[in-house]
């Protein structure tokens, strides 16, 4: 009988290293997912605004007010998406609504994650 067969498996140190790597990426996901969930709320609010009749003829102040109301129903924090990040561009009869903002997410110690979000939708011809 040969007692020295090939042993398969992972050592304790290897298992700890795998856990540390998985923990790091898990923590990274926990920090980033809320920012992306908020971004998808912004996109949904913009699409709702686009589908409303007369959206292309609204002033910037009215659009900001309407979006602020829609943001509150989509759990978008006004501190993260300030009204100044909402712009309206009118050019040649076309209206484009743009929301552009940055999120600084504390990660660990003095390290932050920077996420930049930028979304534009055309208001011309939509919802009319």
C-alpha atoms as a PDB file:
ATOM      1  CA  UNK A   1       0.000   0.000   0.000  1.00  0.00           C
ATOM      2  CA  UNK A   2       1.249   3.430  -0.924  1.00  0.00           C
ATOM      3  CA  UNK A   3       0.392   5.951   1.814  1.00  0.00           C
ATOM      4  CA  UNK A   4       1.927   8.897  -0.024  1.00  0.00           C
ATOM      5  CA  UNK A   5      -0.898   9.678  -2.450  1.00  0.00           C
ATOM      6  CA  UNK A   6      -1.338  13.082  -4.000  1.00  0.00           C
ATOM      7  CA  UNK A   7      -3.150  15.470  -1.645  1.00  0.00           C
ATOM      8  CA  UNK A   8      -5.568  17.976  -3.202  1.00  0.00           C
ATOM      9  CA  UNK A   9      -7.075  21.016  -1.563  1.00  0.00           C
ATOM     10  CA  UNK A  10      -6.314  24.474  -0.275  1.00  0.00           C
ATOM     11  CA  UNK A  11      -4.144  25.374   2.685  1.00  0.00           C
ATOM     12  CA  UNK A  12      -5.311  27.608   5.513  1.00  0.00           C
ATOM     13  CA  UNK A  13      -3.117  30.480   4.309  1.00  0.00           C
ATOM     14  CA  UNK A  14      -4.465  30.123   0.773  1.00  0.00           C
ATOM     15  CA  UNK A  15      -8.013  30.124   2.124  1.00  0.00           C
ATOM     16  CA  UNK A  16      -7.352  33.305   4.140  1.00  0.00           C
ATOM     17  CA  UNK A  17      -5.904  35.036   1.063  1.00  0.00           C
ATOM     18  CA  UNK A  18      -8.984  34.094  -0.976  1.00  0.00           C
ATOM     19  CA  UNK A  19     -11.232  35.433   1.807  1.00  0.00           C
ATOM     20  CA  UNK A  20      -9.306  38.728   1.961  1.00  0.00           C
ATOM     21  CA  UNK A  21      -9.589  39.230  -1.821  1.00  0.00           C
ATOM     22  CA  UNK A  22     -13.305  38.372  -1.820  1.00  0.00           C
ATOM     23  CA  UNK A  23     -13.855  40.639   1.194  1.00  0.00           C
ATOM     24  CA  UNK A  24     -12.113  43.542  -0.541  1.00  0.00           C
ATOM     25  CA  UNK A  25     -14.287  43.263  -3.656  1.00  0.00           C
ATOM     26  CA  UNK A  26     -17.394  42.734  -1.539  1.00  0.00           C
ATOM     27  CA  UNK A  27     -16.661  45.930   0.407  1.00  0.00           C
ATOM     28  CA  UNK A  28     -15.987  47.776  -2.854  1.00  0.00           C
ATOM     29  CA  UNK A  29     -19.378  46.658  -4.194  1.00  0.00           C
ATOM     30  CA  UNK A  30     -21.110  47.692  -0.951  1.00  0.00           C
ATOM     31  CA  UNK A  31     -19.706  51.206  -1.333  1.00  0.00           C
ATOM     32  CA  UNK A  32     -20.452  51.599  -5.075  1.00  0.00           C
ATOM     33  CA  UNK A  33     -23.890  49.990  -5.490  1.00  0.00           C
ATOM     34  CA  UNK A  34     -25.825  52.816  -3.738  1.00  0.00           C
ATOM     35  CA  UNK A  35     -24.230  55.425  -6.044  1.00  0.00           C
ATOM     36  CA  UNK A  36     -25.216  53.463  -9.142  1.00  0.00           C
ATOM     37  CA  UNK A  37     -28.713  52.822  -7.777  1.00  0.00           C
ATOM     38  CA  UNK A  38     -29.067  56.568  -7.330  1.00  0.00           C
ATOM     39  CA  UNK A  39     -27.819  57.156 -10.884  1.00  0.00           C
ATOM     40  CA  UNK A  40     -30.448  54.788 -12.270  1.00  0.00           C
ATOM     41  CA  UNK A  41     -33.041  56.824 -10.327  1.00  0.00           C
ATOM     42  CA  UNK A  42     -31.752  59.965 -12.047  1.00  0.00           C
ATOM     43  CA  UNK A  43     -32.006  58.276 -15.459  1.00  0.00           C
ATOM     44  CA  UNK A  44     -35.548  57.062 -14.728  1.00  0.00           C
ATOM     45  CA  UNK A  45     -36.594  60.569 -13.611  1.00  0.00           C
ATOM     46  CA  UNK A  46     -35.154  62.064 -16.792  1.00  0.00           C
ATOM     47  CA  UNK A  47     -37.017  59.530 -18.928  1.00  0.00           C
ATOM     48  CA  UNK A  48     -40.257  60.337 -17.067  1.00  0.00           C
ATOM     49  CA  UNK A  49     -39.711  64.046 -17.703  1.00  0.00           C
ATOM     50  CA  UNK A  50     -39.013  63.353 -21.366  1.00  0.00           C
ATOM     51  CA  UNK A  51     -42.284  61.446 -21.770  1.00  0.00           C
ATOM     52  CA  UNK A  52     -44.382  64.347 -20.462  1.00  0.00           C
ATOM     53  CA  UNK A  53     -46.197  66.530 -22.974  1.00  0.00           C
ATOM     54  CA  UNK A  54     -44.560  69.907 -23.554  1.00  0.00           C
ATOM     55  CA  UNK A  55     -41.282  68.965 -21.886  1.00  0.00           C
ATOM     56  CA  UNK A  56     -39.257  70.631 -24.650  1.00  0.00           C
ATOM     57  CA  UNK A  57     -40.893  74.013 -24.041  1.00  0.00           C
ATOM     58  CA  UNK A  58     -40.360  74.099 -20.255  1.00  0.00           C
ATOM     59  CA  UNK A  59     -37.888  76.543 -18.771  1.00  0.00           C
ATOM     60  CA  UNK A  60     -34.788  75.346 -16.943  1.00  0.00           C
ATOM     61  CA  UNK A  61     -36.214  76.368 -13.548  1.00  0.00           C
ATOM     62  CA  UNK A  62     -39.402  74.385 -14.133  1.00  0.00           C
ATOM     63  CA  UNK A  63     -37.410  71.362 -15.313  1.00  0.00           C
ATOM     64  CA  UNK A  64     -35.218  71.541 -12.219  1.00  0.00           C
ATOM     65  CA  UNK A  65     -38.284  71.756  -9.973  1.00  0.00           C
ATOM     66  CA  UNK A  66     -40.001  68.836 -11.738  1.00  0.00           C
ATOM     67  CA  UNK A  67     -36.845  66.729 -11.596  1.00  0.00           C
ATOM     68  CA  UNK A  68     -36.338  67.540  -7.909  1.00  0.00           C
ATOM     69  CA  UNK A  69     -39.819  66.187  -7.222  1.00  0.00           C
ATOM     70  CA  UNK A  70     -39.152  63.069  -9.317  1.00  0.00           C
ATOM     71  CA  UNK A  71     -35.784  62.600  -7.597  1.00  0.00           C
ATOM     72  CA  UNK A  72     -37.511  62.482  -4.220  1.00  0.00           C
ATOM     73  CA  UNK A  73     -39.691  59.589  -5.407  1.00  0.00           C
ATOM     74  CA  UNK A  74     -36.621  57.773  -6.790  1.00  0.00           C
ATOM     75  CA  UNK A  75     -34.561  58.167  -3.578  1.00  0.00           C
ATOM     76  CA  UNK A  76     -32.075  60.546  -5.195  1.00  0.00           C
ATOM     77  CA  UNK A  77     -30.451  62.826  -2.628  1.00  0.00           C
ATOM     78  CA  UNK A  78     -30.408  66.511  -3.595  1.00  0.00           C
ATOM     79  CA  UNK A  79     -27.019  66.871  -1.884  1.00  0.00           C
ATOM     80  CA  UNK A  80     -25.563  64.361  -4.349  1.00  0.00           C
ATOM     81  CA  UNK A  81     -27.323  65.761  -7.424  1.00  0.00           C
ATOM     82  CA  UNK A  82     -27.588  69.540  -6.894  1.00  0.00           C
ATOM     83  CA  UNK A  83     -29.868  71.645  -9.132  1.00  0.00           C
ATOM     84  CA  UNK A  84     -26.774  73.238 -10.734  1.00  0.00           C
ATOM     85  CA  UNK A  85     -25.895  69.854 -12.259  1.00  0.00           C
ATOM     86  CA  UNK A  86     -29.093  69.984 -14.355  1.00  0.00           C
ATOM     87  CA  UNK A  87     -28.657  71.933 -17.594  1.00  0.00           C
ATOM     88  CA  UNK A  88     -30.804  72.551 -20.648  1.00  0.00           C
ATOM     89  CA  UNK A  89     -29.341  73.148 -24.090  1.00  0.00           C
ATOM     90  CA  UNK A  90     -31.496  74.593 -26.861  1.00  0.00           C
ATOM     91  CA  UNK A  91     -29.993  74.672 -30.284  1.00  0.00           C
ATOM     92  CA  UNK A  92     -31.710  74.854 -33.657  1.00  0.00           C
ATOM     93  CA  UNK A  93     -35.137  74.002 -32.242  1.00  0.00           C
ATOM     94  CA  UNK A  94     -33.825  70.961 -30.355  1.00  0.00           C
ATOM     95  CA  UNK A  95     -33.815  70.755 -26.558  1.00  0.00           C
ATOM     96  CA  UNK A  96     -31.443  68.492 -24.657  1.00  0.00           C
ATOM     97  CA  UNK A  97     -31.659  67.892 -20.924  1.00  0.00           C
ATOM     98  CA  UNK A  98     -28.361  66.979 -19.265  1.00  0.00           C
ATOM     99  CA  UNK A  99     -27.536  65.900 -15.731  1.00  0.00           C
ATOM    100  CA  UNK A 100     -23.831  65.733 -14.927  1.00  0.00           C
ATOM    101  CA  UNK A 101     -22.453  65.224 -11.433  1.00  0.00           C
ATOM    102  CA  UNK A 102     -19.714  63.551  -9.403  1.00  0.00           C
ATOM    103  CA  UNK A 103     -19.938  61.407  -6.299  1.00  0.00           C
ATOM    104  CA  UNK A 104     -17.069  61.103  -3.844  1.00  0.00           C
ATOM    105  CA  UNK A 105     -17.516  57.926  -1.865  1.00  0.00           C
ATOM    106  CA  UNK A 106     -15.400  57.359   1.253  1.00  0.00           C
ATOM    107  CA  UNK A 107     -13.674  53.999   0.904  1.00  0.00           C
ATOM    108  CA  UNK A 108     -11.165  53.509   3.695  1.00  0.00           C
ATOM    109  CA  UNK A 109      -9.023  55.861   5.742  1.00  0.00           C
ATOM    110  CA  UNK A 110      -8.062  58.719   3.410  1.00  0.00           C
ATOM    111  CA  UNK A 111      -9.025  56.912   0.198  1.00  0.00           C
ATOM    112  CA  UNK A 112     -12.124  57.982  -1.716  1.00  0.00           C
ATOM    113  CA  UNK A 113     -13.756  56.576  -4.826  1.00  0.00           C
ATOM    114  CA  UNK A 114     -14.748  59.111  -7.470  1.00  0.00           C
ATOM    115  CA  UNK A 115     -17.714  58.246  -9.695  1.00  0.00           C
ATOM    116  CA  UNK A 116     -18.634  60.596 -12.534  1.00  0.00           C
ATOM    117  CA  UNK A 117     -22.137  60.413 -13.988  1.00  0.00           C
ATOM    118  CA  UNK A 118     -23.328  62.178 -17.139  1.00  0.00           C
ATOM    119  CA  UNK A 119     -26.647  61.563 -18.891  1.00  0.00           C
ATOM    120  CA  UNK A 120     -28.342  63.520 -21.688  1.00  0.00           C
ATOM    121  CA  UNK A 121     -31.813  63.045 -23.161  1.00  0.00           C
ATOM    122  CA  UNK A 122     -33.419  64.820 -26.066  1.00  0.00           C
ATOM    123  CA  UNK A 123     -36.694  66.500 -25.133  1.00  0.00           C
ATOM    124  CA  UNK A 124     -37.604  67.444 -28.694  1.00  0.00           C
ATOM    125  CA  UNK A 125     -40.460  65.431 -30.163  1.00  0.00           C
ATOM    126  CA  UNK A 126     -40.811  63.215 -27.085  1.00  0.00           C
ATOM    127  CA  UNK A 127     -44.123  62.948 -25.254  1.00  0.00           C
ATOM    128  CA  UNK A 128     -45.928  65.347 -27.582  1.00  0.00           C
END
